[in-house]
């Protein structure tokens, strides 16, 4: 087994899919504090208890570790912006995010699928983290799906389930935009370039099916585009992916900045690849869901 350092271990932990929460409290002066956490777990139904883990490097670590009360808001699909603010924004996070207060006066995030109010019962040192154990004093819950997180990226069960609803007469094609060192892998066809793709008999678990087809040194990321290409009668799903330096790949590695000047197999694939080139320049990727003519974009990270 691998026994290398924390970076490899972090990647191994990243294979476990989690939800995303925002943990909040107030400092002794009454100012609100909060951070994003995916190390969250239910502990007990009787008495009702939960836990979250906070890094000892967190600037507000000591306040959370000694607080009387805290709250946990389980984020919903579409709340990636909330997660990002509480993960990295250095200013007034609460001024940017809609929120209220629970019975203890602790901030809770609006539109979260669940909100838990807790009395801290223990703070347990655990290596470079502290386990914050809380007894639940109240909670709210609404219908809806939570925001997912795995391999350093968000995912949406709702969107993935919607993508499974496919006209049975359409071809099922899955592709990957495989990136390496500022280049993307493309295949040449008689009609033009396209990302590497595979055809399947049914939508099923396309992620697992793609991982089985791609080399082991290619790491599949988030779904990037899910659409029906009506002129070719194809249901098309494309994933983001990363390849390692030593990965032997078939096809042509093209500088991402050169994509806009290429000819592609279909107008839909051309639009997909040109959007990728544009979004790659800002690292602000979106998931497109629709057809070859129109659709909706959803933020991914």
C-alpha atoms as a PDB file:
ATOM      1  CA  UNK A   1       0.000   0.000   0.000  1.00  0.00           C
ATOM      2  CA  UNK A   2       1.021   3.617  -0.564  1.00  0.00           C
ATOM      3  CA  UNK A   3       2.672   5.207   2.460  1.00  0.00           C
ATOM      4  CA  UNK A   4       3.697   8.532   0.921  1.00  0.00           C
ATOM      5  CA  UNK A   5       2.920  11.942   2.378  1.00  0.00           C
ATOM      6  CA  UNK A   6      -0.215  13.963   3.056  1.00  0.00           C
ATOM      7  CA  UNK A   7      -0.802  14.979  -0.573  1.00  0.00           C
ATOM      8  CA  UNK A   8      -1.372  11.380  -1.701  1.00  0.00           C
ATOM      9  CA  UNK A   9      -3.454  10.693   1.386  1.00  0.00           C
ATOM     10  CA  UNK A  10      -5.589  13.766   0.682  1.00  0.00           C
ATOM     11  CA  UNK A  11      -6.228  12.436  -2.834  1.00  0.00           C
ATOM     12  CA  UNK A  12      -7.220   9.058  -1.389  1.00  0.00           C
ATOM     13  CA  UNK A  13      -9.636  10.701   1.051  1.00  0.00           C
ATOM     14  CA  UNK A  14     -11.005  12.714  -1.886  1.00  0.00           C
ATOM     15  CA  UNK A  15     -12.442   9.562  -3.437  1.00  0.00           C
ATOM     16  CA  UNK A  16     -15.097   9.525  -0.708  1.00  0.00           C
ATOM     17  CA  UNK A  17     -18.121  11.506  -1.885  1.00  0.00           C
ATOM     18  CA  UNK A  18     -19.539  13.847   0.736  1.00  0.00           C
ATOM     19  CA  UNK A  19     -22.031  16.610   1.218  1.00  0.00           C
ATOM     20  CA  UNK A  20     -21.015  20.201   1.919  1.00  0.00           C
ATOM     21  CA  UNK A  21     -21.819  22.134   5.093  1.00  0.00           C
ATOM     22  CA  UNK A  22     -21.228  25.570   6.553  1.00  0.00           C
ATOM     23  CA  UNK A  23     -20.401  25.557  10.274  1.00  0.00           C
ATOM     24  CA  UNK A  24     -21.155  28.767  12.182  1.00  0.00           C
ATOM     25  CA  UNK A  25     -20.859  30.315  15.629  1.00  0.00           C
ATOM     26  CA  UNK A  26     -20.277  33.726  17.227  1.00  0.00           C
ATOM     27  CA  UNK A  27     -17.118  34.991  18.881  1.00  0.00           C
ATOM     28  CA  UNK A  28     -17.208  36.331  22.471  1.00  0.00           C
ATOM     29  CA  UNK A  29     -17.950  39.797  21.092  1.00  0.00           C
ATOM     30  CA  UNK A  30     -20.978  38.527  19.159  1.00  0.00           C
ATOM     31  CA  UNK A  31     -19.491  38.687  15.641  1.00  0.00           C
ATOM     32  CA  UNK A  32     -20.554  35.794  13.372  1.00  0.00           C
ATOM     33  CA  UNK A  33     -17.966  33.270  12.164  1.00  0.00           C
ATOM     34  CA  UNK A  34     -18.283  30.465   9.647  1.00  0.00           C
ATOM     35  CA  UNK A  35     -16.332  28.029   7.502  1.00  0.00           C
ATOM     36  CA  UNK A  36     -17.045  25.375   4.865  1.00  0.00           C
ATOM     37  CA  UNK A  37     -16.652  21.753   5.950  1.00  0.00           C
ATOM     38  CA  UNK A  38     -17.298  18.396   4.330  1.00  0.00           C
ATOM     39  CA  UNK A  39     -16.000  16.422   7.334  1.00  0.00           C
ATOM     40  CA  UNK A  40     -19.448  16.133   8.901  1.00  0.00           C
ATOM     41  CA  UNK A  41     -21.243  13.111  10.310  1.00  0.00           C
ATOM     42  CA  UNK A  42     -24.298  12.110  12.293  1.00  0.00           C
ATOM     43  CA  UNK A  43     -23.299  10.440  15.575  1.00  0.00           C
ATOM     44  CA  UNK A  44     -26.402   9.465  17.568  1.00  0.00           C
ATOM     45  CA  UNK A  45     -30.190   9.647  17.447  1.00  0.00           C
ATOM     46  CA  UNK A  46     -30.670   9.307  21.215  1.00  0.00           C
ATOM     47  CA  UNK A  47     -29.373  11.647  22.372  1.00  0.00           C
ATOM     48  CA  UNK A  48     -29.256  13.497  19.026  1.00  0.00           C
ATOM     49  CA  UNK A  49     -25.621  14.274  18.257  1.00  0.00           C
ATOM     50  CA  UNK A  50     -23.380  15.158  15.330  1.00  0.00           C
ATOM     51  CA  UNK A  51     -19.756  16.003  14.704  1.00  0.00           C
ATOM     52  CA  UNK A  52     -17.706  18.180  12.403  1.00  0.00           C
ATOM     53  CA  UNK A  53     -13.941  18.389  11.996  1.00  0.00           C
ATOM     54  CA  UNK A  54     -12.087  21.686  11.852  1.00  0.00           C
ATOM     55  CA  UNK A  55      -8.466  22.132  10.886  1.00  0.00           C
ATOM     56  CA  UNK A  56      -6.168  23.415  13.590  1.00  0.00           C
ATOM     57  CA  UNK A  57      -4.837  25.927  11.041  1.00  0.00           C
ATOM     58  CA  UNK A  58      -8.276  27.594  10.827  1.00  0.00           C
ATOM     59  CA  UNK A  59      -7.952  31.188  12.040  1.00  0.00           C
ATOM     60  CA  UNK A  60     -11.100  30.818  14.154  1.00  0.00           C
ATOM     61  CA  UNK A  61     -10.167  27.344  15.431  1.00  0.00           C
ATOM     62  CA  UNK A  62      -9.882  28.302  19.097  1.00  0.00           C
ATOM     63  CA  UNK A  63     -13.223  30.114  19.072  1.00  0.00           C
ATOM     64  CA  UNK A  64     -15.047  27.111  17.605  1.00  0.00           C
ATOM     65  CA  UNK A  65     -13.196  24.700  19.893  1.00  0.00           C
ATOM     66  CA  UNK A  66     -14.367  26.599  22.993  1.00  0.00           C
ATOM     67  CA  UNK A  67     -17.771  27.920  21.863  1.00  0.00           C
ATOM     68  CA  UNK A  68     -20.958  27.184  23.783  1.00  0.00           C
ATOM     69  CA  UNK A  69     -23.164  26.744  20.700  1.00  0.00           C
ATOM     70  CA  UNK A  70     -22.639  26.257  16.983  1.00  0.00           C
ATOM     71  CA  UNK A  71     -24.790  25.444  13.955  1.00  0.00           C
ATOM     72  CA  UNK A  72     -24.377  23.312  10.845  1.00  0.00           C
ATOM     73  CA  UNK A  73     -26.157  24.168   7.566  1.00  0.00           C
ATOM     74  CA  UNK A  74     -26.201  21.380   4.959  1.00  0.00           C
ATOM     75  CA  UNK A  75     -25.971  23.138   1.595  1.00  0.00           C
ATOM     76  CA  UNK A  76     -28.388  22.414  -1.237  1.00  0.00           C
ATOM     77  CA  UNK A  77     -27.724  21.868  -4.911  1.00  0.00           C
ATOM     78  CA  UNK A  78     -26.914  25.199  -6.500  1.00  0.00           C
ATOM     79  CA  UNK A  79     -25.262  26.641  -3.379  1.00  0.00           C
ATOM     80  CA  UNK A  80     -21.715  26.314  -4.670  1.00  0.00           C
ATOM     81  CA  UNK A  81     -21.320  30.077  -4.285  1.00  0.00           C
ATOM     82  CA  UNK A  82     -22.111  29.798  -0.562  1.00  0.00           C
ATOM     83  CA  UNK A  83     -19.522  27.061  -0.154  1.00  0.00           C
ATOM     84  CA  UNK A  84     -16.897  29.076  -2.013  1.00  0.00           C
ATOM     85  CA  UNK A  85     -17.496  32.206   0.062  1.00  0.00           C
ATOM     86  CA  UNK A  86     -17.118  30.362   3.367  1.00  0.00           C
ATOM     87  CA  UNK A  87     -14.123  28.415   2.061  1.00  0.00           C
ATOM     88  CA  UNK A  88     -11.985  31.273   0.795  1.00  0.00           C
ATOM     89  CA  UNK A  89     -13.481  34.787   0.958  1.00  0.00           C
ATOM     90  CA  UNK A  90     -11.439  36.961   3.341  1.00  0.00           C
ATOM     91  CA  UNK A  91     -13.955  39.765   3.895  1.00  0.00           C
ATOM     92  CA  UNK A  92     -17.367  39.811   5.584  1.00  0.00           C
ATOM     93  CA  UNK A  93     -18.745  36.464   4.481  1.00  0.00           C
ATOM     94  CA  UNK A  94     -22.161  36.981   6.021  1.00  0.00           C
ATOM     95  CA  UNK A  95     -22.673  40.243   4.114  1.00  0.00           C
ATOM     96  CA  UNK A  96     -22.515  38.243   0.874  1.00  0.00           C
ATOM     97  CA  UNK A  97     -24.791  35.342   1.833  1.00  0.00           C
ATOM     98  CA  UNK A  98     -28.484  35.272   2.831  1.00  0.00           C
ATOM     99  CA  UNK A  99     -28.816  33.903   6.350  1.00  0.00           C
ATOM    100  CA  UNK A 100     -30.896  34.003   9.521  1.00  0.00           C
ATOM    101  CA  UNK A 101     -30.361  33.006  13.148  1.00  0.00           C
ATOM    102  CA  UNK A 102     -31.408  29.975  15.170  1.00  0.00           C
ATOM    103  CA  UNK A 103     -32.875  29.984  18.682  1.00  0.00           C
ATOM    104  CA  UNK A 104     -29.375  30.369  20.117  1.00  0.00           C
ATOM    105  CA  UNK A 105     -28.616  33.405  17.969  1.00  0.00           C
ATOM    106  CA  UNK A 106     -26.184  31.456  15.785  1.00  0.00           C
ATOM    107  CA  UNK A 107     -26.266  32.205  12.023  1.00  0.00           C
ATOM    108  CA  UNK A 108     -27.790  29.577   9.722  1.00  0.00           C
ATOM    109  CA  UNK A 109     -27.705  29.634   5.918  1.00  0.00           C
ATOM    110  CA  UNK A 110     -30.932  30.378   4.044  1.00  0.00           C
ATOM    111  CA  UNK A 111     -32.218  27.670   1.667  1.00  0.00           C
ATOM    112  CA  UNK A 112     -29.968  24.951   3.102  1.00  0.00           C
ATOM    113  CA  UNK A 113     -31.599  21.514   2.967  1.00  0.00           C
ATOM    114  CA  UNK A 114     -30.968  21.038   6.708  1.00  0.00           C
ATOM    115  CA  UNK A 115     -30.008  23.306   9.600  1.00  0.00           C
ATOM    116  CA  UNK A 116     -28.812  21.901  12.935  1.00  0.00           C
ATOM    117  CA  UNK A 117     -28.494  23.934  16.130  1.00  0.00           C
ATOM    118  CA  UNK A 118     -26.003  22.412  18.551  1.00  0.00           C
ATOM    119  CA  UNK A 119     -24.638  22.742  22.048  1.00  0.00           C
ATOM    120  CA  UNK A 120     -20.959  21.903  22.027  1.00  0.00           C
ATOM    121  CA  UNK A 121     -20.290  18.941  24.311  1.00  0.00           C
ATOM    122  CA  UNK A 122     -16.676  18.100  23.494  1.00  0.00           C
ATOM    123  CA  UNK A 123     -13.702  19.264  21.462  1.00  0.00           C
ATOM    124  CA  UNK A 124     -11.420  16.308  20.810  1.00  0.00           C
ATOM    125  CA  UNK A 125      -7.870  16.851  19.477  1.00  0.00           C
ATOM    126  CA  UNK A 126      -7.255  14.583  16.483  1.00  0.00           C
ATOM    127  CA  UNK A 127      -3.915  15.148  14.768  1.00  0.00           C
ATOM    128  CA  UNK A 128      -4.022  18.300  12.657  1.00  0.00           C
ATOM    129  CA  UNK A 129      -7.787  18.623  13.233  1.00  0.00           C
ATOM    130  CA  UNK A 130     -10.179  18.987  16.149  1.00  0.00           C
ATOM    131  CA  UNK A 131     -13.410  16.986  16.327  1.00  0.00           C
ATOM    132  CA  UNK A 132     -16.262  19.245  17.385  1.00  0.00           C
ATOM    133  CA  UNK A 133     -18.968  17.132  19.010  1.00  0.00           C
ATOM    134  CA  UNK A 134     -22.376  18.698  19.486  1.00  0.00           C
ATOM    135  CA  UNK A 135     -25.748  17.763  20.960  1.00  0.00           C
ATOM    136  CA  UNK A 136     -28.545  18.837  18.623  1.00  0.00           C
ATOM    137  CA  UNK A 137     -30.968  21.213  20.330  1.00  0.00           C
ATOM    138  CA  UNK A 138     -33.110  21.861  17.242  1.00  0.00           C
ATOM    139  CA  UNK A 139     -33.146  21.348  13.494  1.00  0.00           C
ATOM    140  CA  UNK A 140     -35.038  22.157  10.300  1.00  0.00           C
ATOM    141  CA  UNK A 141     -35.262  20.142   7.106  1.00  0.00           C
ATOM    142  CA  UNK A 142     -36.815  20.668   3.681  1.00  0.00           C
ATOM    143  CA  UNK A 143     -37.231  18.583   0.549  1.00  0.00           C
ATOM    144  CA  UNK A 144     -34.403  18.800  -1.913  1.00  0.00           C
ATOM    145  CA  UNK A 145     -31.011  17.336  -2.702  1.00  0.00           C
ATOM    146  CA  UNK A 146     -27.784  18.344  -1.034  1.00  0.00           C
ATOM    147  CA  UNK A 147     -24.709  19.676  -2.786  1.00  0.00           C
ATOM    148  CA  UNK A 148     -22.134  16.934  -3.412  1.00  0.00           C
ATOM    149  CA  UNK A 149     -18.341  17.058  -3.329  1.00  0.00           C
ATOM    150  CA  UNK A 150     -15.688  14.580  -4.489  1.00  0.00           C
ATOM    151  CA  UNK A 151     -12.192  14.732  -5.977  1.00  0.00           C
ATOM    152  CA  UNK A 152     -12.010  18.449  -5.274  1.00  0.00           C
ATOM    153  CA  UNK A 153     -15.119  19.231  -7.317  1.00  0.00           C
ATOM    154  CA  UNK A 154     -18.833  19.752  -6.746  1.00  0.00           C
ATOM    155  CA  UNK A 155     -21.435  17.468  -8.248  1.00  0.00           C
ATOM    156  CA  UNK A 156     -25.214  17.468  -8.487  1.00  0.00           C
ATOM    157  CA  UNK A 157     -27.260  14.298  -8.061  1.00  0.00           C
ATOM    158  CA  UNK A 158     -30.302  16.075  -9.447  1.00  0.00           C
ATOM    159  CA  UNK A 159     -28.554  16.988 -12.681  1.00  0.00           C
ATOM    160  CA  UNK A 160     -26.980  13.553 -13.014  1.00  0.00           C
ATOM    161  CA  UNK A 161     -30.372  11.899 -12.535  1.00  0.00           C
ATOM    162  CA  UNK A 162     -31.947  14.219 -15.091  1.00  0.00           C
ATOM    163  CA  UNK A 163     -29.229  13.212 -17.519  1.00  0.00           C
ATOM    164  CA  UNK A 164     -30.360   9.594 -17.197  1.00  0.00           C
ATOM    165  CA  UNK A 165     -33.714  10.401 -18.820  1.00  0.00           C
ATOM    166  CA  UNK A 166     -32.830   9.732 -22.443  1.00  0.00           C
ATOM    167  CA  UNK A 167     -34.894   9.094 -25.556  1.00  0.00           C
ATOM    168  CA  UNK A 168     -34.339   5.368 -26.185  1.00  0.00           C
ATOM    169  CA  UNK A 169     -33.830   5.995 -29.906  1.00  0.00           C
ATOM    170  CA  UNK A 170     -30.757   8.178 -29.376  1.00  0.00           C
ATOM    171  CA  UNK A 171     -27.133   7.053 -29.483  1.00  0.00           C
ATOM    172  CA  UNK A 172     -25.482   7.274 -26.052  1.00  0.00           C
ATOM    173  CA  UNK A 173     -22.037   8.849 -26.302  1.00  0.00           C
ATOM    174  CA  UNK A 174     -19.685   9.831 -23.477  1.00  0.00           C
ATOM    175  CA  UNK A 175     -16.522  11.841 -24.009  1.00  0.00           C
ATOM    176  CA  UNK A 176     -13.727  13.425 -21.980  1.00  0.00           C
ATOM    177  CA  UNK A 177     -11.881  16.711 -22.336  1.00  0.00           C
ATOM    178  CA  UNK A 178      -8.520  15.334 -21.220  1.00  0.00           C
ATOM    179  CA  UNK A 179      -6.169  18.145 -20.225  1.00  0.00           C
ATOM    180  CA  UNK A 180      -2.402  17.960 -19.775  1.00  0.00           C
ATOM    181  CA  UNK A 181      -0.017  20.893 -19.348  1.00  0.00           C
ATOM    182  CA  UNK A 182      -2.246  23.445 -21.062  1.00  0.00           C
ATOM    183  CA  UNK A 183      -3.146  21.069 -23.896  1.00  0.00           C
ATOM    184  CA  UNK A 184      -6.293  19.067 -24.561  1.00  0.00           C
ATOM    185  CA  UNK A 185      -6.487  15.677 -26.250  1.00  0.00           C
ATOM    186  CA  UNK A 186      -8.483  15.565 -29.498  1.00  0.00           C
ATOM    187  CA  UNK A 187      -9.166  12.845 -32.059  1.00  0.00           C
ATOM    188  CA  UNK A 188      -9.219  13.441 -35.798  1.00  0.00           C
ATOM    189  CA  UNK A 189     -12.281  12.175 -37.691  1.00  0.00           C
ATOM    190  CA  UNK A 190     -13.250  12.618 -41.357  1.00  0.00           C
ATOM    191  CA  UNK A 191     -15.550  15.455 -40.286  1.00  0.00           C
ATOM    192  CA  UNK A 192     -13.076  17.210 -37.996  1.00  0.00           C
ATOM    193  CA  UNK A 193     -11.710  17.088 -34.461  1.00  0.00           C
ATOM    194  CA  UNK A 194     -13.505  15.828 -31.347  1.00  0.00           C
ATOM    195  CA  UNK A 195     -12.650  14.810 -27.765  1.00  0.00           C
ATOM    196  CA  UNK A 196     -12.050  11.063 -27.218  1.00  0.00           C
ATOM    197  CA  UNK A 197     -15.457   9.414 -26.997  1.00  0.00           C
ATOM    198  CA  UNK A 198     -17.100   6.036 -26.510  1.00  0.00           C
ATOM    199  CA  UNK A 199     -20.567   4.773 -27.397  1.00  0.00           C
ATOM    200  CA  UNK A 200     -22.708   2.875 -24.879  1.00  0.00           C
ATOM    201  CA  UNK A 201     -25.953   0.918 -25.119  1.00  0.00           C
ATOM    202  CA  UNK A 202     -27.640   2.734 -22.203  1.00  0.00           C
ATOM    203  CA  UNK A 203     -26.934   5.834 -20.093  1.00  0.00           C
ATOM    204  CA  UNK A 204     -26.347   3.830 -16.888  1.00  0.00           C
ATOM    205  CA  UNK A 205     -23.347   4.893 -14.822  1.00  0.00           C
ATOM    206  CA  UNK A 206     -21.410   6.683 -17.532  1.00  0.00           C
ATOM    207  CA  UNK A 207     -18.746   7.870 -15.106  1.00  0.00           C
ATOM    208  CA  UNK A 208     -17.826   4.316 -14.118  1.00  0.00           C
ATOM    209  CA  UNK A 209     -18.051   3.181 -17.734  1.00  0.00           C
ATOM    210  CA  UNK A 210     -15.707   5.961 -18.846  1.00  0.00           C
ATOM    211  CA  UNK A 211     -13.230   5.252 -16.051  1.00  0.00           C
ATOM    212  CA  UNK A 212     -13.119   1.632 -17.235  1.00  0.00           C
ATOM    213  CA  UNK A 213     -12.324   2.708 -20.818  1.00  0.00           C
ATOM    214  CA  UNK A 214      -9.759   5.447 -20.106  1.00  0.00           C
ATOM    215  CA  UNK A 215      -6.137   4.767 -19.067  1.00  0.00           C
ATOM    216  CA  UNK A 216      -5.592   4.557 -15.325  1.00  0.00           C
ATOM    217  CA  UNK A 217      -3.410   7.666 -15.442  1.00  0.00           C
ATOM    218  CA  UNK A 218      -6.386   9.785 -16.560  1.00  0.00           C
ATOM    219  CA  UNK A 219      -8.412  11.143 -13.640  1.00  0.00           C
ATOM    220  CA  UNK A 220     -12.023  11.868 -14.515  1.00  0.00           C
ATOM    221  CA  UNK A 221     -13.492  15.056 -13.065  1.00  0.00           C
ATOM    222  CA  UNK A 222     -16.916  16.680 -13.115  1.00  0.00           C
ATOM    223  CA  UNK A 223     -19.491  16.309 -15.843  1.00  0.00           C
ATOM    224  CA  UNK A 224     -19.022  19.336 -18.098  1.00  0.00           C
ATOM    225  CA  UNK A 225     -21.757  19.068 -20.704  1.00  0.00           C
ATOM    226  CA  UNK A 226     -24.917  16.940 -20.961  1.00  0.00           C
ATOM    227  CA  UNK A 227     -27.031  17.539 -24.046  1.00  0.00           C
ATOM    228  CA  UNK A 228     -29.048  16.039 -26.880  1.00  0.00           C
ATOM    229  CA  UNK A 229     -27.542  16.690 -30.305  1.00  0.00           C
ATOM    230  CA  UNK A 230     -30.726  16.388 -32.340  1.00  0.00           C
ATOM    231  CA  UNK A 231     -29.178  16.576 -35.846  1.00  0.00           C
ATOM    232  CA  UNK A 232     -27.076  13.477 -35.073  1.00  0.00           C
ATOM    233  CA  UNK A 233     -29.696  11.860 -32.782  1.00  0.00           C
ATOM    234  CA  UNK A 234     -27.094  11.594 -30.014  1.00  0.00           C
ATOM    235  CA  UNK A 235     -27.297  11.997 -26.238  1.00  0.00           C
ATOM    236  CA  UNK A 236     -23.886  13.386 -25.370  1.00  0.00           C
ATOM    237  CA  UNK A 237     -22.179  13.537 -21.961  1.00  0.00           C
ATOM    238  CA  UNK A 238     -18.727  15.064 -21.637  1.00  0.00           C
ATOM    239  CA  UNK A 239     -16.504  15.039 -18.547  1.00  0.00           C
ATOM    240  CA  UNK A 240     -13.520  17.117 -17.552  1.00  0.00           C
ATOM    241  CA  UNK A 241     -10.369  15.046 -17.025  1.00  0.00           C
ATOM    242  CA  UNK A 242      -6.687  15.394 -16.166  1.00  0.00           C
ATOM    243  CA  UNK A 243      -3.809  13.277 -17.483  1.00  0.00           C
ATOM    244  CA  UNK A 244      -0.417  12.791 -15.877  1.00  0.00           C
ATOM    245  CA  UNK A 245       2.848  13.655 -17.596  1.00  0.00           C
ATOM    246  CA  UNK A 246       3.705  10.049 -18.422  1.00  0.00           C
ATOM    247  CA  UNK A 247       0.255   9.052 -19.671  1.00  0.00           C
ATOM    248  CA  UNK A 248       0.348   7.394 -23.096  1.00  0.00           C
ATOM    249  CA  UNK A 249      -2.648   8.768 -24.984  1.00  0.00           C
ATOM    250  CA  UNK A 250      -3.897   8.231 -28.512  1.00  0.00           C
ATOM    251  CA  UNK A 251      -4.794  11.379 -30.406  1.00  0.00           C
ATOM    252  CA  UNK A 252      -3.351  14.846 -30.732  1.00  0.00           C
ATOM    253  CA  UNK A 253      -2.530  17.160 -27.833  1.00  0.00           C
ATOM    254  CA  UNK A 254      -3.624  20.624 -28.929  1.00  0.00           C
ATOM    255  CA  UNK A 255      -2.790  23.868 -27.086  1.00  0.00           C
ATOM    256  CA  UNK A 256      -6.050  24.963 -25.496  1.00  0.00           C
ATOM    257  CA  UNK A 257      -5.536  28.471 -26.870  1.00  0.00           C
ATOM    258  CA  UNK A 258      -5.609  27.056 -30.432  1.00  0.00           C
ATOM    259  CA  UNK A 259      -9.044  25.431 -30.115  1.00  0.00           C
ATOM    260  CA  UNK A 260     -10.975  28.339 -31.612  1.00  0.00           C
ATOM    261  CA  UNK A 261      -9.162  27.944 -34.942  1.00  0.00           C
ATOM    262  CA  UNK A 262      -9.922  24.247 -35.391  1.00  0.00           C
ATOM    263  CA  UNK A 263     -12.607  22.460 -37.397  1.00  0.00           C
ATOM    264  CA  UNK A 264     -14.757  20.071 -35.358  1.00  0.00           C
ATOM    265  CA  UNK A 265     -16.864  17.044 -36.231  1.00  0.00           C
ATOM    266  CA  UNK A 266     -20.201  18.746 -35.478  1.00  0.00           C
ATOM    267  CA  UNK A 267     -21.354  22.272 -34.579  1.00  0.00           C
ATOM    268  CA  UNK A 268     -22.362  20.996 -31.118  1.00  0.00           C
ATOM    269  CA  UNK A 269     -18.862  19.650 -30.420  1.00  0.00           C
ATOM    270  CA  UNK A 270     -17.370  22.885 -31.751  1.00  0.00           C
ATOM    271  CA  UNK A 271     -19.495  24.884 -29.301  1.00  0.00           C
ATOM    272  CA  UNK A 272     -18.513  22.538 -26.459  1.00  0.00           C
ATOM    273  CA  UNK A 273     -14.774  22.804 -27.129  1.00  0.00           C
ATOM    274  CA  UNK A 274     -14.800  26.564 -27.676  1.00  0.00           C
ATOM    275  CA  UNK A 275     -16.691  27.061 -24.406  1.00  0.00           C
ATOM    276  CA  UNK A 276     -14.064  24.910 -22.697  1.00  0.00           C
ATOM    277  CA  UNK A 277     -11.263  27.074 -24.115  1.00  0.00           C
ATOM    278  CA  UNK A 278     -12.983  30.249 -22.913  1.00  0.00           C
ATOM    279  CA  UNK A 279     -13.756  28.928 -19.437  1.00  0.00           C
ATOM    280  CA  UNK A 280     -10.303  27.388 -19.086  1.00  0.00           C
ATOM    281  CA  UNK A 281      -8.767  30.845 -19.394  1.00  0.00           C
ATOM    282  CA  UNK A 282     -10.641  31.978 -16.262  1.00  0.00           C
ATOM    283  CA  UNK A 283     -10.905  28.541 -14.540  1.00  0.00           C
ATOM    284  CA  UNK A 284     -14.600  29.371 -14.133  1.00  0.00           C
ATOM    285  CA  UNK A 285     -16.175  26.157 -15.429  1.00  0.00           C
ATOM    286  CA  UNK A 286     -19.906  25.585 -15.862  1.00  0.00           C
ATOM    287  CA  UNK A 287     -21.979  22.462 -16.459  1.00  0.00           C
ATOM    288  CA  UNK A 288     -24.161  22.833 -19.566  1.00  0.00           C
ATOM    289  CA  UNK A 289     -27.452  20.898 -19.665  1.00  0.00           C
ATOM    290  CA  UNK A 290     -29.779  21.155 -22.663  1.00  0.00           C
ATOM    291  CA  UNK A 291     -29.548  20.452 -26.371  1.00  0.00           C
ATOM    292  CA  UNK A 292     -27.335  21.591 -29.246  1.00  0.00           C
ATOM    293  CA  UNK A 293     -29.205  24.895 -29.522  1.00  0.00           C
ATOM    294  CA  UNK A 294     -29.973  26.024 -25.979  1.00  0.00           C
ATOM    295  CA  UNK A 295     -29.667  24.998 -22.352  1.00  0.00           C
ATOM    296  CA  UNK A 296     -28.785  26.031 -18.819  1.00  0.00           C
ATOM    297  CA  UNK A 297     -25.387  26.512 -17.209  1.00  0.00           C
ATOM    298  CA  UNK A 298     -24.623  25.540 -13.635  1.00  0.00           C
ATOM    299  CA  UNK A 299     -21.470  26.540 -11.785  1.00  0.00           C
ATOM    300  CA  UNK A 300     -18.949  23.814 -11.073  1.00  0.00           C
ATOM    301  CA  UNK A 301     -15.562  23.986  -9.417  1.00  0.00           C
END
